[in-house]
């Protein structure tokens, strides 16, 4: 374990999680929900939540539709790092762009935030796929957990600095809280940009060919059609993706909605929410490493199921008993213990179930499913109080129990050993086709 984590290419790859997690912590989970809540204070709670959720759903839908094709093009041309850099740059610019949103401009804030989400999610398609370039199959759980662990500690460190900037602006030379918040958004862009460089420099990728843009796009469409046919043969990949669709929706909805829900709906103080987020980050760092070890010992599927069970208990507690900052701290610790584990083991389990030569396009499907699932949770939470008589915004979180339960059941049906064998058979066929082709390189 020690040797693989000290490998230069593994560390360079994992640092990208350290880089873009600043967006996930300071912006997605931390300041933007409170920032948006303040900007939209003239709207009703229902309208404010509606437009926030619609933005999440729209940005998720756009990247979900494009993800498999982007992956097919990038796999064919060996351009995963280039695509990663393009989407990362979009996220970096949008992060800094939030600094120029003025009072009452909630609609502009949502536009910038939505584009930032596209940059963040799009770059992760190619980051996830590059795991097979840096890790042997037997170390996938550990390397995946290592990436998430660095992400939690890196994102948590910058978030801690940003919290201190906003709560004590005069100590950092800022004239107001608003000025400190603006520079916090800028700092996310700078952090993301600087720590993306090691991956771009230190990770090498394999390519089938180095085609021109037009050829790559045409080949991408052909490869996508072929992958759609192949994925239907991989029964357990389909079972996994179906389960992942539901349970990762629950995880993503909690990440994106927890602060907004506790602030606007439960009325908990902002100080408690920020402290809880910091707790989550620093608890998640060792927990993600632990889940990487656990996945290697008992298998990633069992580790994910343990995490799902904890999430279900968290949702019931939040619905029935959450009413203070102390309660929110307890839930933050519980979530921190399993959040990174569920995410990292999902990535490493999926990497086992797919052909290695088609990682980006298959991870395009993986991220497509994740983004489509990010649409369902927020929309269901909006619909519950509108459709069901007697239910309010707090009751809406119970839909997450359904999402976690359905996802866990479908995951339970996945036979990992048979799935790995099926992926190897397809990989052997790809290698045979390449050897027979007169144009192979």
Protein backbone atom coordinates (compact mmCIF):
# COMPACT_ATOMS: atom_id res chain seq x y z
CA UNK A 1 0.00 0.00 0.00
CA UNK A 2 2.77 2.42 0.91
CA UNK A 3 4.67 1.95 -2.34
CA UNK A 4 1.69 2.56 -4.65
CA UNK A 5 0.73 5.76 -2.81
CA UNK A 6 4.29 7.08 -3.13
CA UNK A 7 4.33 6.49 -6.88
CA UNK A 8 4.78 9.83 -8.69
CA UNK A 9 2.09 9.27 -11.30
CA UNK A 10 -0.42 8.14 -8.66
CA UNK A 11 0.29 11.23 -6.55
CA UNK A 12 0.07 13.50 -9.62
CA UNK A 13 -3.28 11.97 -10.56
CA UNK A 14 -4.67 12.15 -7.00
CA UNK A 15 -3.69 15.82 -6.67
CA UNK A 16 -6.44 16.69 -9.14
CA UNK A 17 -8.93 15.64 -6.46
CA UNK A 18 -7.10 18.02 -4.11
CA UNK A 19 -7.46 20.71 -6.80
CA UNK A 20 -11.11 20.57 -7.80
CA UNK A 21 -12.43 19.66 -4.36
CA UNK A 22 -12.02 23.34 -3.52
CA UNK A 23 -15.03 23.94 -5.78
CA UNK A 24 -16.97 21.13 -4.10
CA UNK A 25 -16.31 22.44 -0.58
CA UNK A 26 -16.09 26.24 -0.70
CA UNK A 27 -18.67 26.73 -3.46
CA UNK A 28 -21.02 23.72 -3.83
CA UNK A 29 -21.35 22.67 -0.20
CA UNK A 30 -20.21 25.79 1.63
CA UNK A 31 -20.70 29.38 0.55
CA UNK A 32 -22.85 29.28 -2.57
CA UNK A 33 -26.05 27.98 -0.91
CA UNK A 34 -25.84 30.73 1.73
CA UNK A 35 -24.73 33.30 -0.88
CA UNK A 36 -27.67 32.38 -3.12
CA UNK A 37 -30.09 32.35 -0.18
CA UNK A 38 -29.08 35.95 0.59
CA UNK A 39 -29.28 37.04 -3.06
CA UNK A 40 -32.76 35.51 -3.43
CA UNK A 41 -34.22 36.76 -0.14
CA UNK A 42 -36.95 38.62 -2.05
CA UNK A 43 -38.20 35.30 -3.42
CA UNK A 44 -40.38 32.92 -1.43
CA UNK A 45 -38.67 29.86 0.07
CA UNK A 46 -40.43 27.62 -2.44
CA UNK A 47 -39.47 29.75 -5.46
CA UNK A 48 -35.90 30.09 -4.24
CA UNK A 49 -35.54 26.33 -3.80
CA UNK A 50 -37.27 25.71 -7.14
CA UNK A 51 -34.82 27.80 -9.20
CA UNK A 52 -31.84 26.41 -7.28
CA UNK A 53 -32.90 22.83 -7.99
CA UNK A 54 -33.74 23.59 -11.62
CA UNK A 55 -30.21 24.94 -12.13
CA UNK A 56 -28.72 21.76 -10.65
CA UNK A 57 -30.94 19.61 -12.85
CA UNK A 58 -30.23 21.56 -16.06
CA UNK A 59 -26.44 21.57 -15.66
CA UNK A 60 -26.52 17.87 -14.78
CA UNK A 61 -28.66 17.08 -17.83
CA UNK A 62 -26.32 18.89 -20.23
CA UNK A 63 -23.16 17.10 -19.08
CA UNK A 64 -25.01 13.79 -18.81
CA UNK A 65 -26.10 13.89 -22.46
CA UNK A 66 -22.62 14.84 -23.70
CA UNK A 67 -20.54 12.56 -21.43
CA UNK A 68 -20.52 9.26 -23.38
CA UNK A 69 -19.69 10.93 -26.71
CA UNK A 70 -16.94 13.03 -25.15
CA UNK A 71 -15.51 9.88 -23.62
CA UNK A 72 -15.56 8.01 -26.93
CA UNK A 73 -13.77 10.87 -28.73
CA UNK A 74 -11.18 11.21 -25.97
CA UNK A 75 -10.50 7.46 -25.85
CA UNK A 76 -10.00 7.24 -29.60
CA UNK A 77 -7.64 10.19 -29.79
CA UNK A 78 -5.87 9.80 -26.46
CA UNK A 79 -7.00 13.28 -25.46
CA UNK A 80 -8.30 12.69 -21.97
CA UNK A 81 -5.93 15.21 -20.41
CA UNK A 82 -6.82 17.83 -23.01
CA UNK A 83 -10.54 17.46 -22.38
CA UNK A 84 -9.94 17.50 -18.64
CA UNK A 85 -8.03 20.77 -18.99
CA UNK A 86 -10.80 22.36 -21.09
CA UNK A 87 -13.56 21.55 -18.61
CA UNK A 88 -11.37 22.45 -15.64
CA UNK A 89 -10.70 25.87 -17.18
CA UNK A 90 -14.45 26.47 -17.49
CA UNK A 91 -14.92 25.61 -13.81
CA UNK A 92 -11.95 27.74 -12.78
CA UNK A 93 -13.23 30.81 -14.63
CA UNK A 94 -16.77 30.41 -13.29
CA UNK A 95 -15.49 30.01 -9.71
CA UNK A 96 -13.67 33.33 -9.95
CA UNK A 97 -16.62 34.85 -11.82
CA UNK A 98 -18.89 34.54 -8.78
CA UNK A 99 -16.82 37.33 -7.21
CA UNK A 100 -18.44 39.84 -9.56
CA UNK A 101 -22.08 38.97 -8.82
CA UNK A 102 -23.84 41.94 -7.23
CA UNK A 103 -26.65 42.20 -4.71
CA UNK A 104 -29.97 40.82 -5.90
CA UNK A 105 -28.47 39.20 -9.01
CA UNK A 106 -29.56 35.70 -8.04
CA UNK A 107 -30.25 34.76 -11.67
CA UNK A 108 -26.69 35.62 -12.73
CA UNK A 109 -25.30 33.70 -9.75
CA UNK A 110 -27.26 30.63 -10.87
CA UNK A 111 -26.00 30.92 -14.45
CA UNK A 112 -22.37 31.11 -13.33
CA UNK A 113 -22.87 28.35 -10.77
CA UNK A 114 -24.49 26.09 -13.37
CA UNK A 115 -21.59 26.56 -15.81
CA UNK A 116 -19.15 25.91 -12.98
CA UNK A 117 -20.95 22.66 -12.24
CA UNK A 118 -20.55 21.66 -15.90
CA UNK A 119 -16.81 22.35 -15.75
CA UNK A 120 -16.45 20.44 -12.49
CA UNK A 121 -18.47 17.41 -13.59
CA UNK A 122 -17.06 17.34 -17.12
CA UNK A 123 -13.45 17.29 -15.97
CA UNK A 124 -14.22 14.43 -13.59
CA UNK A 125 -15.20 12.17 -16.50
CA UNK A 126 -11.62 12.23 -17.74
CA UNK A 127 -10.05 12.29 -14.29
CA UNK A 128 -11.94 9.14 -13.28
CA UNK A 129 -10.97 7.37 -16.50
CA UNK A 130 -7.27 8.10 -16.00
CA UNK A 131 -7.23 5.90 -12.87
CA UNK A 132 -6.47 2.84 -15.03
CA UNK A 133 -3.39 4.63 -16.42
CA UNK A 134 -1.86 5.03 -12.96
CA UNK A 135 -3.04 1.99 -10.99
CA UNK A 136 -2.78 -1.78 -11.47
CA UNK A 137 -6.12 -3.63 -11.04
CA UNK A 138 -5.27 -5.00 -7.59
CA UNK A 139 -4.71 -1.49 -6.17
CA UNK A 140 -7.76 0.28 -7.64
CA UNK A 141 -9.62 0.50 -4.29
CA UNK A 142 -6.61 1.99 -2.50
CA UNK A 143 -5.72 4.45 -5.27
CA UNK A 144 -9.33 5.57 -5.68
CA UNK A 145 -9.66 6.09 -1.93
CA UNK A 146 -6.34 7.97 -1.92
CA UNK A 147 -7.70 10.42 -4.49
CA UNK A 148 -10.83 11.09 -2.46
CA UNK A 149 -8.80 11.40 0.74
CA UNK A 150 -6.53 14.04 -0.77
CA UNK A 151 -9.63 15.77 -2.09
CA UNK A 152 -11.20 15.98 1.32
CA UNK A 153 -8.08 17.28 3.03
CA UNK A 154 -7.20 19.71 0.22
CA UNK A 155 -10.72 21.04 -0.16
CA UNK A 156 -11.06 21.19 3.61
CA UNK A 157 -7.84 23.18 4.07
CA UNK A 158 -8.82 25.86 1.57
CA UNK A 159 -12.35 25.93 2.95
CA UNK A 160 -10.95 26.48 6.45
CA UNK A 161 -8.91 29.44 5.17
CA UNK A 162 -11.97 30.80 3.37
CA UNK A 163 -14.10 30.48 6.50
CA UNK A 164 -11.48 32.41 8.50
CA UNK A 165 -11.38 35.04 5.75
CA UNK A 166 -15.14 35.54 5.88
CA UNK A 167 -15.52 35.41 9.66
CA UNK A 168 -12.50 37.61 10.39
CA UNK A 169 -12.08 39.76 7.27
CA UNK A 170 -10.10 42.50 8.99
CA UNK A 171 -7.34 40.02 9.90
CA UNK A 172 -6.82 39.33 6.20
CA UNK A 173 -6.90 42.97 5.13
CA UNK A 174 -10.45 42.94 3.75
CA UNK A 175 -12.80 45.85 4.30
CA UNK A 176 -15.96 43.74 4.61
CA UNK A 177 -17.41 40.25 4.69
CA UNK A 178 -18.58 40.72 1.09
CA UNK A 179 -15.06 41.49 -0.08
CA UNK A 180 -13.68 38.46 1.76
CA UNK A 181 -16.37 36.24 0.19
CA UNK A 182 -15.50 37.51 -3.29
CA UNK A 183 -11.81 36.72 -2.77
CA UNK A 184 -12.79 33.28 -1.46
CA UNK A 185 -14.40 32.55 -4.81
CA UNK A 186 -11.27 33.78 -6.60
CA UNK A 187 -9.06 31.62 -4.36
CA UNK A 188 -10.99 28.52 -5.48
CA UNK A 189 -10.14 29.26 -9.10
CA UNK A 190 -6.46 29.81 -8.31
CA UNK A 191 -6.23 26.66 -6.15
CA UNK A 192 -7.96 24.56 -8.80
CA UNK A 193 -5.65 25.86 -11.55
CA UNK A 194 -2.36 25.41 -9.66
CA UNK A 195 -2.98 21.85 -8.48
CA UNK A 196 -4.22 20.67 -11.88
CA UNK A 197 -0.72 21.12 -13.32
CA UNK A 198 0.83 17.94 -11.75
CA UNK A 199 -1.74 15.71 -13.48
CA UNK A 200 -1.22 17.39 -16.84
CA UNK A 201 2.56 17.02 -16.53
CA UNK A 202 3.01 13.80 -14.56
CA UNK A 203 0.37 11.40 -15.98
CA UNK A 204 0.85 9.77 -19.38
CA UNK A 205 -2.04 8.31 -21.33
CA UNK A 206 -2.27 5.66 -24.03
CA UNK A 207 -3.99 6.34 -27.32
CA UNK A 208 -5.25 4.22 -30.19
CA UNK A 209 -4.37 6.94 -32.71
CA UNK A 210 -3.66 10.66 -32.96
CA UNK A 211 -6.37 11.74 -35.43
CA UNK A 212 -7.53 15.13 -36.61
CA UNK A 213 -10.56 16.73 -34.98
CA UNK A 214 -13.04 15.62 -37.65
CA UNK A 215 -11.81 12.05 -37.69
CA UNK A 216 -11.88 11.90 -33.88
CA UNK A 217 -15.51 13.07 -33.80
CA UNK A 218 -16.60 10.59 -36.47
CA UNK A 219 -14.71 7.82 -34.72
CA UNK A 220 -16.24 8.91 -31.44
CA UNK A 221 -19.74 8.38 -32.80
CA UNK A 222 -18.73 4.95 -34.15
CA UNK A 223 -17.11 3.94 -30.87
CA UNK A 224 -20.11 5.18 -28.90
CA UNK A 225 -22.46 3.02 -31.00
CA UNK A 226 -20.17 0.04 -30.51
CA UNK A 227 -19.93 0.63 -26.77
CA UNK A 228 -23.73 0.87 -26.49
CA UNK A 229 -23.91 -2.56 -28.09
CA UNK A 230 -21.17 -3.95 -25.85
CA UNK A 231 -22.57 -2.54 -22.63
CA UNK A 232 -25.77 -4.50 -23.22
CA UNK A 233 -23.66 -7.67 -23.06
CA UNK A 234 -22.22 -6.65 -19.70
CA UNK A 235 -25.19 -7.57 -17.54
CA UNK A 236 -23.56 -6.72 -14.25
CA UNK A 237 -22.34 -3.35 -15.50
CA UNK A 238 -25.98 -2.54 -16.22
CA UNK A 239 -27.04 -3.79 -12.77
CA UNK A 240 -24.31 -1.71 -11.17
CA UNK A 241 -25.21 1.44 -13.13
CA UNK A 242 -28.88 1.00 -12.23
CA UNK A 243 -28.04 0.77 -8.53
CA UNK A 244 -25.50 3.57 -8.77
CA UNK A 245 -28.16 5.78 -10.39
CA UNK A 246 -30.25 5.65 -7.25
CA UNK A 247 -27.77 5.64 -4.39
CA UNK A 248 -25.37 8.23 -5.81
CA UNK A 249 -28.37 10.49 -6.33
CA UNK A 250 -28.94 10.34 -2.60
CA UNK A 251 -25.27 11.13 -1.92
CA UNK A 252 -25.22 14.03 -4.38
CA UNK A 253 -28.49 15.49 -3.16
CA UNK A 254 -27.21 15.55 0.41
CA UNK A 255 -23.95 17.21 -0.66
CA UNK A 256 -25.72 19.90 -2.67
CA UNK A 257 -28.80 20.47 -0.54
CA UNK A 258 -27.72 19.96 3.09
CA UNK A 259 -26.63 23.53 3.81
CA UNK A 260 -29.51 25.12 1.88
CA UNK A 261 -32.00 22.79 3.61
CA UNK A 262 -30.65 23.47 7.09
CA UNK A 263 -30.32 27.22 6.50
CA UNK A 264 -33.53 28.10 4.65
CA UNK A 265 -35.91 25.36 5.81
CA UNK A 266 -34.72 24.48 9.33
CA UNK A 267 -33.35 27.94 10.16
CA UNK A 268 -30.11 26.69 11.73
CA UNK A 269 -27.40 29.34 12.25
CA UNK A 270 -24.85 29.75 9.46
CA UNK A 271 -21.94 29.31 11.88
CA UNK A 272 -23.15 25.83 12.79
CA UNK A 273 -23.50 24.84 9.14
CA UNK A 274 -19.99 25.95 8.21
CA UNK A 275 -18.45 24.21 11.21
CA UNK A 276 -20.33 21.03 10.31
CA UNK A 277 -18.95 21.14 6.78
CA UNK A 278 -15.41 21.45 8.09
CA UNK A 279 -16.04 18.46 10.35
CA UNK A 280 -17.22 16.45 7.36
CA UNK A 281 -14.10 17.26 5.36
CA UNK A 282 -11.56 16.34 8.01
CA UNK A 283 -13.40 13.21 9.17
CA UNK A 284 -13.71 12.10 5.53
CA UNK A 285 -9.94 12.25 4.94
CA UNK A 286 -8.95 9.23 7.10
CA UNK A 287 -12.31 7.56 6.41
CA UNK A 288 -11.69 7.52 2.64
CA UNK A 289 -8.28 5.91 3.19
CA UNK A 290 -9.89 3.39 5.55
CA UNK A 291 -12.56 2.48 3.00
CA UNK A 292 -9.84 1.95 0.39
CA UNK A 293 -8.24 -0.59 2.75
CA UNK A 294 -11.65 -2.05 3.61
CA UNK A 295 -12.53 -2.47 -0.06
CA UNK A 296 -9.36 -4.47 -0.60
CA UNK A 297 -10.16 -6.67 2.42
CA UNK A 298 -13.90 -7.34 2.06
CA UNK A 299 -14.54 -6.12 -1.49
CA UNK A 300 -15.80 -2.75 -2.74
CA UNK A 301 -19.41 -3.95 -3.05
CA UNK A 302 -19.66 -4.82 0.66
CA UNK A 303 -18.03 -1.51 1.60
CA UNK A 304 -20.55 0.46 -0.46
CA UNK A 305 -23.49 -1.39 1.11
CA UNK A 306 -22.21 -0.48 4.60
CA UNK A 307 -22.06 3.18 3.57
CA UNK A 308 -25.61 3.08 2.14
CA UNK A 309 -26.95 1.68 5.42
CA UNK A 310 -25.37 4.58 7.33
CA UNK A 311 -26.90 7.10 4.92
CA UNK A 312 -30.40 5.67 5.47
CA UNK A 313 -30.00 6.08 9.24
CA UNK A 314 -28.76 9.65 8.73
CA UNK A 315 -31.83 10.59 6.66
CA UNK A 316 -34.26 9.21 9.24
CA UNK A 317 -32.44 11.09 12.01
CA UNK A 318 -32.48 14.34 10.01
CA UNK A 319 -36.20 13.99 9.36
CA UNK A 320 -37.28 13.11 12.88
CA UNK A 321 -34.82 14.71 15.28
CA UNK A 322 -32.57 17.32 13.63
CA UNK A 323 -33.29 20.68 15.27
CA UNK A 324 -29.99 22.14 16.50
CA UNK A 325 -26.42 22.84 15.52
CA UNK A 326 -25.22 19.99 17.73
CA UNK A 327 -27.47 17.56 15.86
CA UNK A 328 -26.08 18.83 12.58
CA UNK A 329 -22.53 18.21 13.84
CA UNK A 330 -23.41 14.59 14.63
CA UNK A 331 -24.83 14.06 11.18
CA UNK A 332 -21.80 15.75 9.59
CA UNK A 333 -19.48 13.29 11.32
CA UNK A 334 -21.62 10.31 10.29
CA UNK A 335 -21.72 11.46 6.67
CA UNK A 336 -17.98 12.17 6.68
CA UNK A 337 -17.30 8.59 7.75
CA UNK A 338 -18.98 7.10 4.66
CA UNK A 339 -19.24 9.76 1.94
CA UNK A 340 -15.78 9.36 0.47
CA UNK A 341 -15.92 5.59 0.89
CA UNK A 342 -19.13 5.21 -1.11
CA UNK A 343 -17.79 7.45 -3.88
CA UNK A 344 -14.30 5.98 -4.09
CA UNK A 345 -15.37 2.34 -3.91
CA UNK A 346 -18.03 2.96 -6.57
CA UNK A 347 -15.32 4.26 -8.89
CA UNK A 348 -12.93 1.38 -8.22
CA UNK A 349 -15.67 -1.28 -8.50
CA UNK A 350 -16.82 0.12 -11.83
CA UNK A 351 -13.23 0.24 -13.13
CA UNK A 352 -13.04 -3.53 -12.48
CA UNK A 353 -16.22 -4.24 -14.46
CA UNK A 354 -15.28 -2.46 -17.73
CA UNK A 355 -12.76 -3.11 -20.56
CA UNK A 356 -9.53 -1.22 -19.84
CA UNK A 357 -9.09 0.01 -23.43
CA UNK A 358 -12.44 1.85 -23.30
CA UNK A 359 -12.24 3.45 -19.89
CA UNK A 360 -13.16 7.02 -20.82
CA UNK A 361 -16.24 6.21 -22.84
CA UNK A 362 -17.40 3.70 -20.22
CA UNK A 363 -16.72 6.30 -17.54
CA UNK A 364 -18.72 8.65 -19.73
CA UNK A 365 -21.69 6.34 -19.13
CA UNK A 366 -20.79 6.20 -15.44
CA UNK A 367 -20.80 9.98 -15.16
CA UNK A 368 -23.87 10.24 -17.37
CA UNK A 369 -25.74 8.03 -14.93
CA UNK A 370 -24.42 10.08 -12.02
CA UNK A 371 -25.54 13.34 -13.61
CA UNK A 372 -28.98 12.05 -14.57
CA UNK A 373 -29.39 10.84 -11.01
CA UNK A 374 -28.50 14.34 -9.79
CA UNK A 375 -31.63 15.49 -11.57
CA UNK A 376 -34.00 13.10 -9.81
CA UNK A 377 -33.29 13.87 -6.15
CA UNK A 378 -33.67 17.67 -6.26
CA UNK A 379 -36.80 17.41 -8.41
CA UNK A 380 -38.40 14.85 -6.10
CA UNK A 381 -37.70 17.08 -3.12
CA UNK A 382 -39.44 19.95 -4.93
CA UNK A 383 -42.40 17.76 -5.92
CA UNK A 384 -43.18 16.16 -2.54
CA UNK A 385 -44.62 19.22 -0.76
CA UNK A 386 -46.37 20.34 -3.96
CA UNK A 387 -48.03 17.04 -4.79
CA UNK A 388 -48.64 15.25 -1.47
CA UNK A 389 -51.17 16.88 0.81
CA UNK A 390 -49.93 17.47 4.34
CA UNK A 391 -46.25 17.05 3.45
CA UNK A 392 -43.87 19.97 3.88
CA UNK A 393 -40.30 20.77 2.80
CA UNK A 394 -38.85 18.84 5.75
CA UNK A 395 -40.79 15.70 4.82
CA UNK A 396 -39.31 15.88 1.32
CA UNK A 397 -35.99 14.42 2.52
CA UNK A 398 -37.67 11.03 3.01
CA UNK A 399 -37.41 10.48 -0.74
CA UNK A 400 -33.72 9.87 -0.08
CA UNK A 401 -34.56 6.68 1.84
CA UNK A 402 -36.19 5.32 -1.31
CA UNK A 403 -33.15 6.29 -3.40
CA UNK A 404 -30.65 4.64 -1.06
CA UNK A 405 -32.80 1.55 -0.56
CA UNK A 406 -33.38 0.97 -4.28
CA UNK A 407 -29.72 1.57 -5.07
CA UNK A 408 -28.52 -0.82 -2.38
CA UNK A 409 -30.87 -3.58 -3.54
CA UNK A 410 -29.73 -3.34 -7.17
CA UNK A 411 -26.06 -3.26 -6.13
CA UNK A 412 -26.61 -6.38 -4.03
CA UNK A 413 -27.59 -8.24 -7.23
CA UNK A 414 -24.24 -7.51 -8.92
CA UNK A 415 -21.97 -10.57 -9.23
CA UNK A 416 -18.56 -8.91 -9.28
CA UNK A 417 -16.53 -11.98 -10.31
CA UNK A 418 -18.75 -12.71 -13.31
CA UNK A 419 -18.69 -9.03 -14.27
CA UNK A 420 -14.87 -8.97 -14.28
CA UNK A 421 -14.74 -12.08 -16.47
CA UNK A 422 -17.17 -10.56 -18.99
CA UNK A 423 -15.09 -7.36 -19.21
CA UNK A 424 -11.92 -9.38 -19.85
CA UNK A 425 -13.62 -11.28 -22.67
CA UNK A 426 -14.55 -8.02 -24.40
CA UNK A 427 -11.04 -6.67 -23.84
CA UNK A 428 -9.58 -9.77 -25.44
CA UNK A 429 -11.84 -9.19 -28.45
CA UNK A 430 -10.70 -5.57 -28.75
CA UNK A 431 -7.06 -6.66 -28.63
CA UNK A 432 -7.72 -9.26 -31.31
CA UNK A 433 -9.42 -6.72 -33.60
CA UNK A 434 -6.50 -4.30 -33.16
CA UNK A 435 -3.95 -6.97 -34.01
CA UNK A 436 -5.88 -7.95 -37.16
CA UNK A 437 -6.36 -4.37 -38.37
CA UNK A 438 -3.83 -3.17 -41.00
CA UNK A 439 -4.19 0.38 -39.64
CA UNK A 440 -3.40 -0.49 -36.01
CA UNK A 441 -0.47 1.36 -34.43
